[in-house]
Amino acid sequence: MSSTQSGPADASPTRPWPADRVERWPIARLTPYANNPRLHSEADLDKIVAAILKWGWTLPILVDEQGNVLAGALRLRAAIRLGLKDIPVIVARGWSEEEKRAYRLADNQLATGRAGTLSCSVTNFEI
């Protein structure tokens, strides 16, 4: 792949992928994103809580180095409801504020089934 294309084969030759290292952080260290456009119902929260109780924690929350949540707000709410003290996270180390914004936008649009509305500036974002 050329340097203008992005994909799993060459996500970034200069820094590790966040998912290569799962850590456990105290919930108190995490800060939900205040401007999250996705609103989840209590029914959504109930489903995530039930899934965690049935299968355990299967998907870490993505955070930046300061503990700001980039993806996984509903899972964080479920952990709080369950009274958990710490949870698995993956840390997006070295991401710029622009990269964090682009990731949040892409993640929210993919999760809501609006992947076809992703803008070129988000999908072709170079790291």
C-alpha atoms as a PDB file:
ATOM      1  CA  MET A   1       0.000   0.000   0.000  1.00  0.00           C
ATOM      2  CA  SER A   2       1.220   3.498  -0.735  1.00  0.00           C
ATOM      3  CA  SER A   3       1.645   6.146   1.943  1.00  0.00           C
ATOM      4  CA  THR A   4      -1.593   7.849   0.839  1.00  0.00           C
ATOM      5  CA  GLN A   5      -3.672   4.725   1.447  1.00  0.00           C
ATOM      6  CA  SER A   6      -4.539   3.395   4.845  1.00  0.00           C
ATOM      7  CA  GLY A   7      -5.463  -0.030   6.008  1.00  0.00           C
ATOM      8  CA  PRO A   8      -4.662  -2.780   8.470  1.00  0.00           C
ATOM      9  CA  ALA A   9      -1.455  -3.745   6.664  1.00  0.00           C
ATOM     10  CA  ASP A  10       0.215  -0.411   7.335  1.00  0.00           C
ATOM     11  CA  ALA A  11      -1.886   1.429   9.904  1.00  0.00           C
ATOM     12  CA  SER A  12       1.189   3.249  11.126  1.00  0.00           C
ATOM     13  CA  PRO A  13       4.772   2.142  10.819  1.00  0.00           C
ATOM     14  CA  THR A  14       5.863   4.642  13.484  1.00  0.00           C
ATOM     15  CA  ARG A  15       3.591   3.769  16.387  1.00  0.00           C
ATOM     16  CA  PRO A  16       1.881   0.639  17.721  1.00  0.00           C
ATOM     17  CA  TRP A  17      -1.779  -0.117  17.228  1.00  0.00           C
ATOM     18  CA  PRO A  18      -3.866   0.643  20.332  1.00  0.00           C
ATOM     19  CA  ALA A  19      -5.419  -2.833  20.315  1.00  0.00           C
ATOM     20  CA  ASP A  20      -2.010  -4.489  20.638  1.00  0.00           C
ATOM     21  CA  ARG A  21      -2.042  -3.740  24.365  1.00  0.00           C
ATOM     22  CA  VAL A  22      -5.046  -4.093  26.656  1.00  0.00           C
ATOM     23  CA  GLU A  23      -4.735  -2.462  30.076  1.00  0.00           C
ATOM     24  CA  ARG A  24      -6.999  -2.355  33.141  1.00  0.00           C
ATOM     25  CA  TRP A  25      -7.745   1.143  34.376  1.00  0.00           C
ATOM     26  CA  PRO A  26      -9.845   2.332  37.317  1.00  0.00           C
ATOM     27  CA  ILE A  27     -13.207   3.672  36.205  1.00  0.00           C
ATOM     28  CA  ALA A  28     -12.487   6.848  38.170  1.00  0.00           C
ATOM     29  CA  ARG A  29      -9.642   7.563  35.722  1.00  0.00           C
ATOM     30  CA  LEU A  30     -12.019   7.635  32.715  1.00  0.00           C
ATOM     31  CA  THR A  31     -13.886  10.688  31.442  1.00  0.00           C
ATOM     32  CA  PRO A  32     -16.897  10.263  29.128  1.00  0.00           C
ATOM     33  CA  TYR A  33     -16.942  12.500  26.062  1.00  0.00           C
ATOM     34  CA  ALA A  34     -19.332  15.326  26.958  1.00  0.00           C
ATOM     35  CA  ASN A  35     -20.346  16.027  23.343  1.00  0.00           C
ATOM     36  CA  ASN A  36     -21.190  12.458  22.379  1.00  0.00           C
ATOM     37  CA  PRO A  37     -23.976  12.753  19.786  1.00  0.00           C
ATOM     38  CA  ARG A  38     -25.210   9.201  20.364  1.00  0.00           C
ATOM     39  CA  LEU A  39     -27.824   8.837  23.041  1.00  0.00           C
ATOM     40  CA  HIS A  40     -28.487   5.387  24.455  1.00  0.00           C
ATOM     41  CA  SER A  41     -31.736   4.349  26.067  1.00  0.00           C
ATOM     42  CA  GLU A  42     -32.058   2.573  29.389  1.00  0.00           C
ATOM     43  CA  ALA A  43     -33.042  -0.501  27.355  1.00  0.00           C
ATOM     44  CA  ASP A  44     -29.700  -0.288  25.500  1.00  0.00           C
ATOM     45  CA  LEU A  45     -27.905  -0.041  28.824  1.00  0.00           C
ATOM     46  CA  ASP A  46     -29.852  -3.018  30.206  1.00  0.00           C
ATOM     47  CA  LYS A  47     -28.788  -5.108  27.194  1.00  0.00           C
ATOM     48  CA  ILE A  48     -25.100  -4.280  27.622  1.00  0.00           C
ATOM     49  CA  VAL A  49     -25.270  -4.983  31.356  1.00  0.00           C
ATOM     50  CA  ALA A  50     -26.900  -8.359  30.630  1.00  0.00           C
ATOM     51  CA  ALA A  51     -24.272  -9.185  28.017  1.00  0.00           C
ATOM     52  CA  ILE A  52     -21.422  -8.367  30.409  1.00  0.00           C
ATOM     53  CA  LEU A  53     -23.022 -10.517  33.098  1.00  0.00           C
ATOM     54  CA  LYS A  54     -23.436 -13.414  30.673  1.00  0.00           C
ATOM     55  CA  TRP A  55     -20.122 -13.305  28.749  1.00  0.00           C
ATOM     56  CA  GLY A  56     -17.869 -11.046  30.775  1.00  0.00           C
ATOM     57  CA  TRP A  57     -15.992  -8.076  29.381  1.00  0.00           C
ATOM     58  CA  THR A  58     -15.248  -8.777  25.713  1.00  0.00           C
ATOM     59  CA  LEU A  59     -14.468  -5.375  24.187  1.00  0.00           C
ATOM     60  CA  PRO A  60     -12.156  -2.821  25.821  1.00  0.00           C
ATOM     61  CA  ILE A  61     -13.007   0.873  25.864  1.00  0.00           C
ATOM     62  CA  LEU A  62     -10.815   3.094  23.676  1.00  0.00           C
ATOM     63  CA  VAL A  63      -9.332   6.039  25.593  1.00  0.00           C
ATOM     64  CA  ASP A  64      -6.607   8.609  25.082  1.00  0.00           C
ATOM     65  CA  GLU A  65      -3.648   8.975  27.452  1.00  0.00           C
ATOM     66  CA  GLN A  66      -5.662  11.254  29.762  1.00  0.00           C
ATOM     67  CA  GLY A  67      -8.535   8.756  30.056  1.00  0.00           C
ATOM     68  CA  ASN A  68     -10.953  10.581  27.760  1.00  0.00           C
ATOM     69  CA  VAL A  69     -13.289   8.017  26.212  1.00  0.00           C
ATOM     70  CA  LEU A  70     -13.041   7.831  22.422  1.00  0.00           C
ATOM     71  CA  ALA A  71     -15.289   4.769  22.008  1.00  0.00           C
ATOM     72  CA  GLY A  72     -17.278   2.738  24.502  1.00  0.00           C
ATOM     73  CA  ALA A  73     -19.437   5.224  26.404  1.00  0.00           C
ATOM     74  CA  LEU A  74     -22.274   2.729  26.839  1.00  0.00           C
ATOM     75  CA  ARG A  75     -19.913   0.039  28.117  1.00  0.00           C
ATOM     76  CA  LEU A  76     -18.551   2.552  30.627  1.00  0.00           C
ATOM     77  CA  ARG A  77     -22.082   3.292  31.843  1.00  0.00           C
ATOM     78  CA  ALA A  78     -22.695  -0.452  32.161  1.00  0.00           C
ATOM     79  CA  ALA A  79     -19.523  -0.882  34.213  1.00  0.00           C
ATOM     80  CA  ILE A  80     -20.624   1.913  36.544  1.00  0.00           C
ATOM     81  CA  ARG A  81     -24.063   0.346  36.936  1.00  0.00           C
ATOM     82  CA  LEU A  82     -22.432  -3.008  37.737  1.00  0.00           C
ATOM     83  CA  GLY A  83     -20.245  -1.383  40.364  1.00  0.00           C
ATOM     84  CA  LEU A  84     -17.002  -2.409  38.699  1.00  0.00           C
ATOM     85  CA  LYS A  85     -13.875  -0.675  39.962  1.00  0.00           C
ATOM     86  CA  ASP A  86     -11.657  -1.148  36.906  1.00  0.00           C
ATOM     87  CA  ILE A  87     -12.184  -2.221  33.300  1.00  0.00           C
ATOM     88  CA  PRO A  88     -10.159  -3.145  30.213  1.00  0.00           C
ATOM     89  CA  VAL A  89      -9.101  -0.252  27.993  1.00  0.00           C
ATOM     90  CA  ILE A  90      -6.938   0.245  24.961  1.00  0.00           C
ATOM     91  CA  VAL A  91      -5.068   3.522  24.814  1.00  0.00           C
ATOM     92  CA  ALA A  92      -4.772   5.609  21.657  1.00  0.00           C
ATOM     93  CA  ARG A  93      -1.286   6.934  22.360  1.00  0.00           C
ATOM     94  CA  GLY A  94      -0.009   9.938  20.447  1.00  0.00           C
ATOM     95  CA  TRP A  95      -3.251  10.737  18.635  1.00  0.00           C
ATOM     96  CA  SER A  96      -3.809  14.395  17.803  1.00  0.00           C
ATOM     97  CA  GLU A  97      -7.082  16.107  18.707  1.00  0.00           C
ATOM     98  CA  GLU A  98      -7.987  15.994  15.000  1.00  0.00           C
ATOM     99  CA  GLU A  99      -7.404  12.231  14.895  1.00  0.00           C
ATOM    100  CA  LYS A 100      -9.551  11.745  18.004  1.00  0.00           C
ATOM    101  CA  ARG A 101     -12.392  13.790  16.484  1.00  0.00           C
ATOM    102  CA  ALA A 102     -12.160  11.865  13.211  1.00  0.00           C
ATOM    103  CA  TYR A 103     -12.198   8.531  15.026  1.00  0.00           C
ATOM    104  CA  ARG A 104     -15.200   9.476  17.183  1.00  0.00           C
ATOM    105  CA  LEU A 105     -17.118  10.589  14.098  1.00  0.00           C
ATOM    106  CA  ALA A 106     -16.276   7.444  12.141  1.00  0.00           C
ATOM    107  CA  ASP A 107     -17.040   5.152  15.102  1.00  0.00           C
ATOM    108  CA  ASN A 108     -20.418   6.778  15.746  1.00  0.00           C
ATOM    109  CA  GLN A 109     -21.413   6.702  12.089  1.00  0.00           C
ATOM    110  CA  LEU A 110     -20.396   3.063  11.710  1.00  0.00           C
ATOM    111  CA  ALA A 111     -22.253   2.091  14.883  1.00  0.00           C
ATOM    112  CA  THR A 112     -25.454   3.757  13.707  1.00  0.00           C
ATOM    113  CA  GLY A 113     -25.294   2.170  10.264  1.00  0.00           C
ATOM    114  CA  ARG A 114     -24.477   5.436   8.511  1.00  0.00           C
ATOM    115  CA  ALA A 115     -21.107   4.289   7.166  1.00  0.00           C
ATOM    116  CA  GLY A 116     -22.125   5.469   3.706  1.00  0.00           C
ATOM    117  CA  THR A 117     -22.201   9.048   5.001  1.00  0.00           C
ATOM    118  CA  LEU A 118     -18.566   9.103   6.142  1.00  0.00           C
ATOM    119  CA  SER A 119     -16.834  12.053   4.577  1.00  0.00           C
ATOM    120  CA  CYS A 120     -13.629  11.708   2.593  1.00  0.00           C
ATOM    121  CA  SER A 121     -11.804  13.782   5.200  1.00  0.00           C
ATOM    122  CA  VAL A 122     -12.571  11.140   7.812  1.00  0.00           C
ATOM    123  CA  THR A 123     -12.074   7.981   5.783  1.00  0.00           C
ATOM    124  CA  ASN A 124      -8.877   9.175   4.117  1.00  0.00           C
ATOM    125  CA  PHE A 125      -7.390  10.697   7.243  1.00  0.00           C
ATOM    126  CA  GLU A 126      -3.628  10.249   7.225  1.00  0.00           C
ATOM    127  CA  ILE A 127      -1.805   9.646  10.459  1.00  0.00           C
END
